[in-house]
N, C-alpha and C. Protein backbone atom coordinates (compact mmCIF):
# COMPACT_ATOMS: atom_id res chain seq x y z
N MET A 1 12.56 8.16 -17.24
CA MET A 1 11.36 8.54 -16.54
C MET A 1 11.47 8.08 -15.08
N GLN A 2 11.20 9.00 -14.15
CA GLN A 2 11.27 8.65 -12.74
C GLN A 2 9.91 8.46 -12.11
N LYS A 3 8.85 9.02 -12.71
CA LYS A 3 7.51 8.92 -12.15
C LYS A 3 6.53 8.45 -13.22
N LEU A 4 5.69 7.49 -12.85
CA LEU A 4 4.64 7.01 -13.73
C LEU A 4 3.31 7.19 -13.03
N LYS A 5 2.43 7.93 -13.66
CA LYS A 5 1.10 8.17 -13.09
C LYS A 5 0.06 7.75 -14.11
N ILE A 6 -0.81 6.84 -13.68
CA ILE A 6 -1.89 6.36 -14.53
C ILE A 6 -3.20 6.74 -13.85
N GLY A 7 -3.99 7.57 -14.51
CA GLY A 7 -5.23 8.07 -13.93
C GLY A 7 -4.93 9.17 -12.94
N ARG A 8 -5.99 9.61 -12.23
CA ARG A 8 -5.81 10.57 -11.16
C ARG A 8 -6.89 10.32 -10.13
N TYR A 9 -6.68 10.79 -8.92
CA TYR A 9 -7.53 10.43 -7.80
C TYR A 9 -9.01 10.67 -8.05
N ALA A 10 -9.38 11.83 -8.50
CA ALA A 10 -10.80 12.17 -8.64
C ALA A 10 -11.45 11.51 -9.85
N ALA A 11 -10.65 11.04 -10.78
CA ALA A 11 -11.20 10.45 -12.00
C ALA A 11 -10.37 9.24 -12.39
N ASN A 12 -10.62 8.14 -11.72
CA ASN A 12 -9.86 6.92 -12.00
C ASN A 12 -9.97 6.53 -13.46
N ALA A 13 -8.92 5.94 -13.98
CA ALA A 13 -8.87 5.58 -15.38
C ALA A 13 -9.36 4.16 -15.59
N GLU A 14 -10.13 3.99 -16.63
CA GLU A 14 -10.49 2.65 -17.05
C GLU A 14 -9.55 2.35 -18.21
N ILE A 15 -8.69 1.39 -18.02
CA ILE A 15 -7.69 1.11 -19.06
C ILE A 15 -8.04 -0.18 -19.78
N SER A 16 -7.70 -0.22 -21.04
CA SER A 16 -8.02 -1.37 -21.88
C SER A 16 -7.15 -2.56 -21.49
N ASP A 17 -7.59 -3.74 -21.89
CA ASP A 17 -6.81 -4.96 -21.66
C ASP A 17 -5.46 -4.87 -22.37
N GLU A 18 -5.47 -4.26 -23.56
CA GLU A 18 -4.23 -4.12 -24.33
C GLU A 18 -3.22 -3.24 -23.59
N LEU A 19 -3.69 -2.10 -23.06
CA LEU A 19 -2.79 -1.22 -22.31
C LEU A 19 -2.32 -1.90 -21.02
N THR A 20 -3.22 -2.60 -20.36
CA THR A 20 -2.83 -3.34 -19.15
C THR A 20 -1.71 -4.32 -19.46
N SER A 21 -1.84 -5.03 -20.57
CA SER A 21 -0.82 -5.99 -20.97
C SER A 21 0.53 -5.31 -21.23
N VAL A 22 0.49 -4.17 -21.91
CA VAL A 22 1.72 -3.41 -22.18
C VAL A 22 2.35 -2.96 -20.86
N LEU A 23 1.53 -2.43 -19.96
CA LEU A 23 2.05 -1.97 -18.67
C LEU A 23 2.66 -3.12 -17.87
N GLN A 24 2.01 -4.26 -17.88
CA GLN A 24 2.52 -5.41 -17.14
C GLN A 24 3.87 -5.87 -17.67
N ARG A 25 4.09 -5.72 -18.95
CA ARG A 25 5.37 -6.13 -19.56
C ARG A 25 6.46 -5.08 -19.38
N THR A 26 6.09 -3.79 -19.43
CA THR A 26 7.12 -2.75 -19.45
C THR A 26 7.46 -2.16 -18.09
N ILE A 27 6.48 -1.99 -17.21
CA ILE A 27 6.77 -1.37 -15.91
C ILE A 27 7.89 -2.09 -15.15
N PRO A 28 7.87 -3.42 -15.08
CA PRO A 28 8.90 -4.10 -14.29
C PRO A 28 10.33 -3.88 -14.79
N THR A 29 10.47 -3.41 -16.02
CA THR A 29 11.81 -3.21 -16.59
C THR A 29 12.29 -1.77 -16.51
N MET A 30 11.47 -0.88 -16.00
CA MET A 30 11.82 0.55 -15.93
C MET A 30 12.69 0.82 -14.71
N THR A 31 13.95 0.52 -14.82
CA THR A 31 14.84 0.57 -13.66
C THR A 31 15.04 1.96 -13.08
N ALA A 32 14.83 3.01 -13.85
CA ALA A 32 14.98 4.38 -13.34
C ALA A 32 13.73 4.88 -12.62
N LEU A 33 12.65 4.13 -12.72
CA LEU A 33 11.38 4.54 -12.13
C LEU A 33 11.46 4.54 -10.60
N LYS A 34 11.08 5.66 -9.98
CA LYS A 34 11.13 5.79 -8.52
C LYS A 34 9.74 5.89 -7.90
N GLU A 35 8.75 6.27 -8.71
CA GLU A 35 7.41 6.50 -8.16
C GLU A 35 6.34 6.03 -9.14
N ILE A 36 5.36 5.29 -8.60
CA ILE A 36 4.21 4.88 -9.39
C ILE A 36 2.95 5.32 -8.65
N GLU A 37 2.05 5.95 -9.40
CA GLU A 37 0.70 6.26 -8.91
C GLU A 37 -0.26 5.59 -9.87
N LEU A 38 -1.05 4.67 -9.36
CA LEU A 38 -1.94 3.87 -10.19
C LEU A 38 -3.37 4.02 -9.71
N TYR A 39 -4.18 4.72 -10.50
CA TYR A 39 -5.60 4.94 -10.20
C TYR A 39 -6.40 4.30 -11.33
N VAL A 40 -6.97 3.14 -11.08
CA VAL A 40 -7.60 2.37 -12.14
C VAL A 40 -8.99 1.89 -11.71
N ILE A 41 -9.97 2.08 -12.58
CA ILE A 41 -11.29 1.47 -12.39
C ILE A 41 -11.21 0.06 -12.94
N GLY A 42 -11.74 -0.88 -12.19
CA GLY A 42 -11.73 -2.27 -12.64
C GLY A 42 -10.52 -3.00 -12.10
N SER A 43 -10.19 -4.08 -12.74
CA SER A 43 -9.14 -4.96 -12.26
C SER A 43 -7.79 -4.59 -12.87
N PHE A 44 -6.75 -4.84 -12.11
CA PHE A 44 -5.39 -4.69 -12.61
C PHE A 44 -4.58 -5.84 -12.03
N ASP A 45 -3.90 -6.58 -12.88
CA ASP A 45 -3.12 -7.72 -12.43
C ASP A 45 -1.65 -7.34 -12.37
N PHE A 46 -1.05 -7.55 -11.20
CA PHE A 46 0.36 -7.22 -11.03
C PHE A 46 1.25 -8.33 -11.55
N TRP A 47 2.40 -7.92 -12.02
CA TRP A 47 3.40 -8.81 -12.58
C TRP A 47 4.09 -9.60 -11.47
N SER A 48 4.74 -10.66 -11.87
CA SER A 48 5.48 -11.50 -10.93
C SER A 48 6.72 -10.76 -10.43
N SER A 49 7.06 -10.98 -9.18
CA SER A 49 8.25 -10.32 -8.62
C SER A 49 9.53 -10.80 -9.31
N ALA A 50 9.51 -11.99 -9.89
CA ALA A 50 10.69 -12.50 -10.59
C ALA A 50 11.02 -11.64 -11.81
N GLU A 51 10.01 -10.97 -12.37
CA GLU A 51 10.20 -10.13 -13.55
C GLU A 51 10.55 -8.69 -13.18
N ASP A 52 10.49 -8.37 -11.91
CA ASP A 52 10.57 -6.97 -11.46
C ASP A 52 12.01 -6.52 -11.23
N HIS A 53 12.35 -5.35 -11.76
CA HIS A 53 13.67 -4.77 -11.57
C HIS A 53 13.57 -3.35 -11.01
N LEU A 54 12.44 -3.03 -10.39
CA LEU A 54 12.20 -1.68 -9.88
C LEU A 54 12.87 -1.45 -8.53
N GLN A 55 13.21 -0.21 -8.28
CA GLN A 55 13.70 0.23 -6.97
C GLN A 55 12.84 1.41 -6.54
N LEU A 56 11.54 1.16 -6.40
CA LEU A 56 10.60 2.24 -6.10
C LEU A 56 10.83 2.85 -4.73
N GLU A 57 10.58 4.15 -4.65
CA GLU A 57 10.61 4.87 -3.38
C GLU A 57 9.20 5.25 -2.95
N SER A 58 8.26 5.31 -3.91
CA SER A 58 6.89 5.70 -3.60
C SER A 58 5.93 4.91 -4.48
N PHE A 59 4.87 4.39 -3.85
CA PHE A 59 3.87 3.62 -4.58
C PHE A 59 2.48 3.96 -4.06
N THR A 60 1.60 4.36 -4.97
CA THR A 60 0.20 4.65 -4.65
C THR A 60 -0.67 3.73 -5.47
N LEU A 61 -1.58 3.05 -4.80
CA LEU A 61 -2.47 2.11 -5.47
C LEU A 61 -3.92 2.42 -5.13
N HIS A 62 -4.69 2.72 -6.16
CA HIS A 62 -6.13 2.92 -6.01
C HIS A 62 -6.78 2.16 -7.15
N VAL A 63 -7.02 0.88 -6.90
CA VAL A 63 -7.60 -0.01 -7.90
C VAL A 63 -8.86 -0.59 -7.29
N THR A 64 -9.93 -0.65 -8.07
CA THR A 64 -11.20 -1.10 -7.51
C THR A 64 -11.31 -2.61 -7.39
N SER A 65 -10.44 -3.36 -8.03
CA SER A 65 -10.55 -4.81 -7.95
C SER A 65 -9.18 -5.46 -8.16
N LEU A 66 -8.83 -6.34 -7.23
CA LEU A 66 -7.61 -7.13 -7.37
C LEU A 66 -7.94 -8.59 -7.09
N LYS A 67 -7.52 -9.47 -7.96
CA LYS A 67 -7.72 -10.91 -7.75
C LYS A 67 -6.70 -11.42 -6.75
N SER A 68 -6.95 -12.59 -6.19
CA SER A 68 -6.07 -13.16 -5.17
C SER A 68 -4.64 -13.32 -5.66
N ASP A 69 -4.46 -13.82 -6.89
CA ASP A 69 -3.09 -14.00 -7.38
C ASP A 69 -2.41 -12.66 -7.62
N SER A 70 -3.18 -11.65 -7.97
CA SER A 70 -2.60 -10.32 -8.15
C SER A 70 -2.20 -9.72 -6.79
N ILE A 71 -3.01 -9.96 -5.76
CA ILE A 71 -2.64 -9.52 -4.40
C ILE A 71 -1.36 -10.21 -3.97
N ASP A 72 -1.25 -11.51 -4.24
CA ASP A 72 -0.03 -12.25 -3.89
C ASP A 72 1.18 -11.64 -4.60
N ASN A 73 1.04 -11.36 -5.89
CA ASN A 73 2.14 -10.75 -6.65
C ASN A 73 2.48 -9.38 -6.08
N LEU A 74 1.45 -8.57 -5.79
CA LEU A 74 1.69 -7.24 -5.24
C LEU A 74 2.42 -7.32 -3.90
N CYS A 75 2.02 -8.25 -3.04
CA CYS A 75 2.70 -8.40 -1.74
C CYS A 75 4.16 -8.78 -1.93
N GLU A 76 4.44 -9.67 -2.87
CA GLU A 76 5.83 -10.04 -3.15
C GLU A 76 6.61 -8.83 -3.68
N LEU A 77 5.98 -8.03 -4.50
CA LEU A 77 6.63 -6.83 -5.03
C LEU A 77 6.94 -5.84 -3.91
N ILE A 78 5.97 -5.60 -3.04
CA ILE A 78 6.18 -4.66 -1.93
C ILE A 78 7.34 -5.12 -1.05
N GLU A 79 7.42 -6.41 -0.79
CA GLU A 79 8.54 -6.94 -0.01
C GLU A 79 9.87 -6.71 -0.72
N LYS A 80 9.86 -6.80 -2.03
CA LYS A 80 11.08 -6.67 -2.83
C LYS A 80 11.55 -5.23 -2.97
N TRP A 81 10.62 -4.27 -2.87
CA TRP A 81 10.97 -2.86 -3.03
C TRP A 81 11.57 -2.33 -1.73
N THR A 82 12.81 -2.63 -1.49
CA THR A 82 13.46 -2.31 -0.21
C THR A 82 13.71 -0.82 -0.02
N ASN A 83 13.63 -0.02 -1.08
CA ASN A 83 13.82 1.43 -0.96
C ASN A 83 12.51 2.18 -0.75
N LEU A 84 11.41 1.46 -0.63
CA LEU A 84 10.09 2.10 -0.52
C LEU A 84 10.01 2.96 0.73
N GLN A 85 9.71 4.25 0.53
CA GLN A 85 9.60 5.20 1.63
C GLN A 85 8.17 5.68 1.84
N SER A 86 7.36 5.61 0.80
CA SER A 86 5.97 6.08 0.88
C SER A 86 5.07 5.06 0.21
N LEU A 87 4.00 4.69 0.92
CA LEU A 87 3.08 3.69 0.40
C LEU A 87 1.65 4.12 0.71
N CYS A 88 0.83 4.14 -0.33
CA CYS A 88 -0.59 4.50 -0.18
C CYS A 88 -1.42 3.39 -0.83
N ILE A 89 -2.26 2.75 -0.02
CA ILE A 89 -3.09 1.65 -0.49
C ILE A 89 -4.55 2.01 -0.24
N HIS A 90 -5.36 1.83 -1.26
CA HIS A 90 -6.79 2.16 -1.17
C HIS A 90 -7.62 0.97 -1.64
N CYS A 91 -8.67 0.69 -0.93
CA CYS A 91 -9.72 -0.19 -1.43
C CYS A 91 -9.39 -1.68 -1.42
N ILE A 92 -8.70 -2.19 -0.43
CA ILE A 92 -8.56 -3.64 -0.30
C ILE A 92 -9.61 -4.08 0.71
N GLN A 93 -10.65 -4.72 0.23
CA GLN A 93 -11.83 -4.99 1.04
C GLN A 93 -11.85 -6.38 1.67
N ASN A 94 -10.92 -7.21 1.36
CA ASN A 94 -10.91 -8.59 1.83
C ASN A 94 -9.96 -8.74 3.01
N ARG A 95 -10.44 -9.33 4.12
CA ARG A 95 -9.64 -9.46 5.34
C ARG A 95 -8.35 -10.26 5.09
N VAL A 96 -8.45 -11.36 4.37
CA VAL A 96 -7.27 -12.18 4.08
C VAL A 96 -6.25 -11.37 3.28
N HIS A 97 -6.72 -10.61 2.31
CA HIS A 97 -5.82 -9.76 1.52
C HIS A 97 -5.16 -8.70 2.39
N LEU A 98 -5.93 -8.12 3.31
CA LEU A 98 -5.36 -7.13 4.24
C LEU A 98 -4.24 -7.74 5.06
N LEU A 99 -4.47 -8.93 5.58
CA LEU A 99 -3.45 -9.58 6.40
C LEU A 99 -2.18 -9.87 5.60
N LYS A 100 -2.34 -10.31 4.36
CA LYS A 100 -1.18 -10.52 3.48
C LYS A 100 -0.44 -9.20 3.25
N MET A 101 -1.22 -8.15 3.03
CA MET A 101 -0.63 -6.84 2.79
C MET A 101 0.13 -6.36 4.03
N PHE A 102 -0.44 -6.53 5.22
CA PHE A 102 0.25 -6.13 6.45
C PHE A 102 1.59 -6.85 6.57
N ALA A 103 1.60 -8.15 6.28
CA ALA A 103 2.85 -8.93 6.38
C ALA A 103 3.90 -8.40 5.40
N ALA A 104 3.48 -8.05 4.20
CA ALA A 104 4.41 -7.51 3.20
C ALA A 104 4.92 -6.14 3.61
N ILE A 105 4.02 -5.28 4.06
CA ILE A 105 4.40 -3.92 4.46
C ILE A 105 5.36 -3.95 5.64
N ALA A 106 5.19 -4.91 6.52
CA ALA A 106 6.05 -5.02 7.71
C ALA A 106 7.52 -5.17 7.33
N LYS A 107 7.80 -5.62 6.13
CA LYS A 107 9.19 -5.82 5.68
C LYS A 107 9.79 -4.58 5.04
N CYS A 108 9.02 -3.51 4.94
CA CYS A 108 9.48 -2.26 4.30
C CYS A 108 10.17 -1.38 5.34
N GLN A 109 11.39 -1.66 5.64
CA GLN A 109 12.09 -1.00 6.74
C GLN A 109 12.45 0.46 6.48
N MET A 110 12.38 0.92 5.24
CA MET A 110 12.66 2.33 4.92
C MET A 110 11.39 3.18 4.91
N LEU A 111 10.24 2.56 5.09
CA LEU A 111 8.96 3.25 4.97
C LEU A 111 8.81 4.33 6.03
N ASN A 112 8.52 5.57 5.59
CA ASN A 112 8.28 6.64 6.56
C ASN A 112 6.87 7.23 6.45
N THR A 113 6.15 6.94 5.37
CA THR A 113 4.77 7.40 5.21
C THR A 113 3.91 6.24 4.74
N LEU A 114 2.83 6.00 5.47
CA LEU A 114 1.92 4.91 5.13
C LEU A 114 0.48 5.41 5.22
N GLU A 115 -0.24 5.24 4.11
CA GLU A 115 -1.67 5.56 4.07
C GLU A 115 -2.42 4.31 3.64
N ILE A 116 -3.35 3.90 4.48
CA ILE A 116 -4.21 2.77 4.15
C ILE A 116 -5.63 3.24 4.40
N TYR A 117 -6.40 3.40 3.33
CA TYR A 117 -7.74 3.94 3.53
C TYR A 117 -8.79 3.21 2.70
N ASP A 118 -10.02 3.29 3.22
CA ASP A 118 -11.17 2.65 2.59
C ASP A 118 -10.89 1.17 2.35
N THR A 119 -10.36 0.51 3.37
CA THR A 119 -9.98 -0.89 3.23
C THR A 119 -10.70 -1.82 4.18
N GLU A 120 -11.69 -1.32 4.88
CA GLU A 120 -12.42 -2.15 5.83
C GLU A 120 -11.56 -2.61 7.00
N ILE A 121 -10.51 -1.86 7.32
CA ILE A 121 -9.75 -2.18 8.53
C ILE A 121 -10.68 -1.98 9.71
N ALA A 122 -10.79 -3.01 10.52
CA ALA A 122 -11.65 -2.96 11.70
C ALA A 122 -10.90 -3.61 12.86
N ASP A 123 -11.56 -3.69 13.99
CA ASP A 123 -10.91 -4.22 15.19
C ASP A 123 -10.49 -5.68 15.05
N ASP A 124 -11.10 -6.43 14.13
CA ASP A 124 -10.72 -7.84 13.96
C ASP A 124 -9.32 -8.01 13.39
N VAL A 125 -8.72 -6.95 12.84
CA VAL A 125 -7.35 -7.04 12.33
C VAL A 125 -6.39 -6.11 13.09
N ILE A 126 -6.82 -5.63 14.25
CA ILE A 126 -6.00 -4.65 14.98
C ILE A 126 -4.67 -5.26 15.43
N ASP A 127 -4.67 -6.51 15.89
CA ASP A 127 -3.41 -7.10 16.36
C ASP A 127 -2.38 -7.24 15.24
N PRO A 128 -2.74 -7.80 14.07
CA PRO A 128 -1.76 -7.83 12.97
C PRO A 128 -1.33 -6.43 12.52
N LEU A 129 -2.25 -5.48 12.55
CA LEU A 129 -1.92 -4.10 12.20
C LEU A 129 -0.89 -3.53 13.16
N LEU A 130 -1.09 -3.76 14.46
CA LEU A 130 -0.14 -3.27 15.46
C LEU A 130 1.22 -3.94 15.30
N GLU A 131 1.24 -5.24 15.01
CA GLU A 131 2.51 -5.94 14.79
C GLU A 131 3.25 -5.34 13.59
N MET A 132 2.52 -5.05 12.53
CA MET A 132 3.13 -4.42 11.37
C MET A 132 3.73 -3.07 11.75
N LEU A 133 2.96 -2.27 12.48
CA LEU A 133 3.43 -0.93 12.87
C LEU A 133 4.66 -1.01 13.76
N LYS A 134 4.72 -1.99 14.64
CA LYS A 134 5.89 -2.15 15.52
C LYS A 134 7.16 -2.40 14.71
N SER A 135 7.02 -3.09 13.59
CA SER A 135 8.20 -3.43 12.79
C SER A 135 8.71 -2.26 11.95
N LEU A 136 7.89 -1.24 11.75
CA LEU A 136 8.24 -0.12 10.87
C LEU A 136 8.91 0.99 11.68
N LYS A 137 10.17 0.82 11.98
CA LYS A 137 10.91 1.72 12.88
C LYS A 137 11.09 3.13 12.30
N GLN A 138 11.09 3.28 10.97
CA GLN A 138 11.29 4.58 10.34
C GLN A 138 9.99 5.33 10.07
N LEU A 139 8.86 4.69 10.35
CA LEU A 139 7.56 5.29 10.03
C LEU A 139 7.33 6.56 10.84
N GLU A 140 7.00 7.64 10.13
CA GLU A 140 6.75 8.94 10.75
C GLU A 140 5.30 9.39 10.61
N SER A 141 4.62 8.90 9.57
CA SER A 141 3.25 9.36 9.29
C SER A 141 2.38 8.17 8.92
N LEU A 142 1.26 8.04 9.64
CA LEU A 142 0.31 6.96 9.39
C LEU A 142 -1.08 7.57 9.23
N ASN A 143 -1.71 7.31 8.09
CA ASN A 143 -3.07 7.78 7.82
C ASN A 143 -3.95 6.56 7.59
N LEU A 144 -4.96 6.42 8.44
CA LEU A 144 -5.88 5.29 8.36
C LEU A 144 -7.32 5.78 8.25
N TYR A 145 -7.60 6.67 7.33
CA TYR A 145 -8.93 7.23 7.25
C TYR A 145 -9.87 6.36 6.42
N ASP A 146 -11.16 6.56 6.67
CA ASP A 146 -12.22 5.84 5.96
C ASP A 146 -12.14 4.34 6.20
N ASN A 147 -11.87 3.95 7.43
CA ASN A 147 -11.86 2.56 7.83
C ASN A 147 -12.92 2.34 8.90
N ASN A 148 -12.96 1.16 9.48
CA ASN A 148 -14.01 0.82 10.44
C ASN A 148 -13.48 0.53 11.84
N LEU A 149 -12.47 1.24 12.27
CA LEU A 149 -11.92 1.03 13.60
C LEU A 149 -12.81 1.66 14.65
N SER A 150 -12.97 0.97 15.77
CA SER A 150 -13.71 1.54 16.90
C SER A 150 -12.81 2.54 17.62
N ALA A 151 -13.39 3.26 18.56
CA ALA A 151 -12.60 4.20 19.37
C ALA A 151 -11.51 3.44 20.13
N ASP A 152 -11.81 2.23 20.58
CA ASP A 152 -10.82 1.42 21.30
C ASP A 152 -9.68 1.01 20.36
N GLY A 153 -10.01 0.62 19.14
CA GLY A 153 -8.98 0.26 18.16
C GLY A 153 -8.09 1.44 17.82
N GLU A 154 -8.69 2.60 17.63
CA GLU A 154 -7.91 3.81 17.36
C GLU A 154 -7.00 4.14 18.54
N GLN A 155 -7.50 3.96 19.75
CA GLN A 155 -6.70 4.26 20.93
C GLN A 155 -5.49 3.34 21.04
N LYS A 156 -5.66 2.07 20.69
CA LYS A 156 -4.52 1.13 20.71
C LYS A 156 -3.42 1.60 19.76
N ILE A 157 -3.81 2.10 18.61
CA ILE A 157 -2.83 2.60 17.65
C ILE A 157 -2.16 3.86 18.18
N LYS A 158 -2.93 4.76 18.76
CA LYS A 158 -2.36 5.98 19.34
C LYS A 158 -1.40 5.64 20.48
N ASP A 159 -1.76 4.67 21.31
CA ASP A 159 -0.88 4.25 22.41
C ASP A 159 0.44 3.71 21.87
N LEU A 160 0.37 2.89 20.84
CA LEU A 160 1.59 2.36 20.23
C LEU A 160 2.45 3.50 19.68
N ALA A 161 1.81 4.46 19.04
CA ALA A 161 2.54 5.60 18.47
C ALA A 161 3.29 6.38 19.56
N GLN A 162 2.69 6.51 20.72
CA GLN A 162 3.33 7.25 21.82
C GLN A 162 4.47 6.47 22.46
N GLN A 163 4.46 5.15 22.36
CA GLN A 163 5.49 4.32 22.98
C GLN A 163 6.74 4.19 22.12
N ARG A 164 6.67 4.60 20.89
CA ARG A 164 7.79 4.43 19.96
C ARG A 164 8.92 5.41 20.26
N GLU A 165 10.13 5.01 19.90
CA GLU A 165 11.28 5.91 20.01
C GLU A 165 11.14 7.07 19.03
N LYS A 166 10.80 6.75 17.79
CA LYS A 166 10.64 7.77 16.75
C LYS A 166 9.18 8.23 16.76
N GLN A 167 8.98 9.54 16.71
CA GLN A 167 7.63 10.10 16.74
C GLN A 167 6.83 9.62 15.53
N LEU A 168 5.58 9.22 15.79
CA LEU A 168 4.68 8.77 14.73
C LEU A 168 3.40 9.58 14.78
N SER A 169 3.14 10.31 13.71
CA SER A 169 1.91 11.08 13.57
C SER A 169 0.83 10.14 13.02
N VAL A 170 -0.32 10.08 13.71
CA VAL A 170 -1.40 9.18 13.31
C VAL A 170 -2.66 10.00 13.03
N ARG A 171 -3.29 9.71 11.89
CA ARG A 171 -4.55 10.38 11.54
C ARG A 171 -5.57 9.33 11.16
N PHE A 172 -6.81 9.58 11.60
CA PHE A 172 -7.92 8.69 11.27
C PHE A 172 -8.98 9.36 10.42
N ASP A 173 -8.75 10.62 10.07
CA ASP A 173 -9.71 11.33 9.24
C ASP A 173 -8.99 11.96 8.06
N TYR A 174 -9.75 12.27 7.04
CA TYR A 174 -9.16 12.78 5.80
C TYR A 174 -8.61 14.19 5.96
N PHE A 175 -9.25 15.00 6.79
CA PHE A 175 -8.83 16.39 6.92
C PHE A 175 -8.12 16.54 8.19
């Protein structure tokens, strides 16, 4: 299996504790897996990076609740997935968690598509966001819709995109 999809965007899945436990034990061992799309209502706890043997190229996360230790595990996993080319993160509402996520994403040197939406990104995190974007030399597409950036914050991102050697398409709206 190369792709694992749990739930779907318009109708997030509520998964049982038993299924969550099975997924936490089995996903990290699926070495042929290249893409995960995870749409879950409620909490989902990520496995430790020490248990992970994935070489993901694409990861989509739409989970309504993540605990601090699960965010830490997820950040370690993202750093470990060196082949990651596409990353979509939805619904991280905590500033500290966002900053941890930015630091992890900054290490994804193969990343060419990044979507971060409905995460409460605002001007108070613009500098760490810009630092992350500067480190992503292969990034071609950035979607930051449904966030709280001011016109000035959006302009800073657009300016950075224009200064890059590699063209970066930036969108702040869904359509």
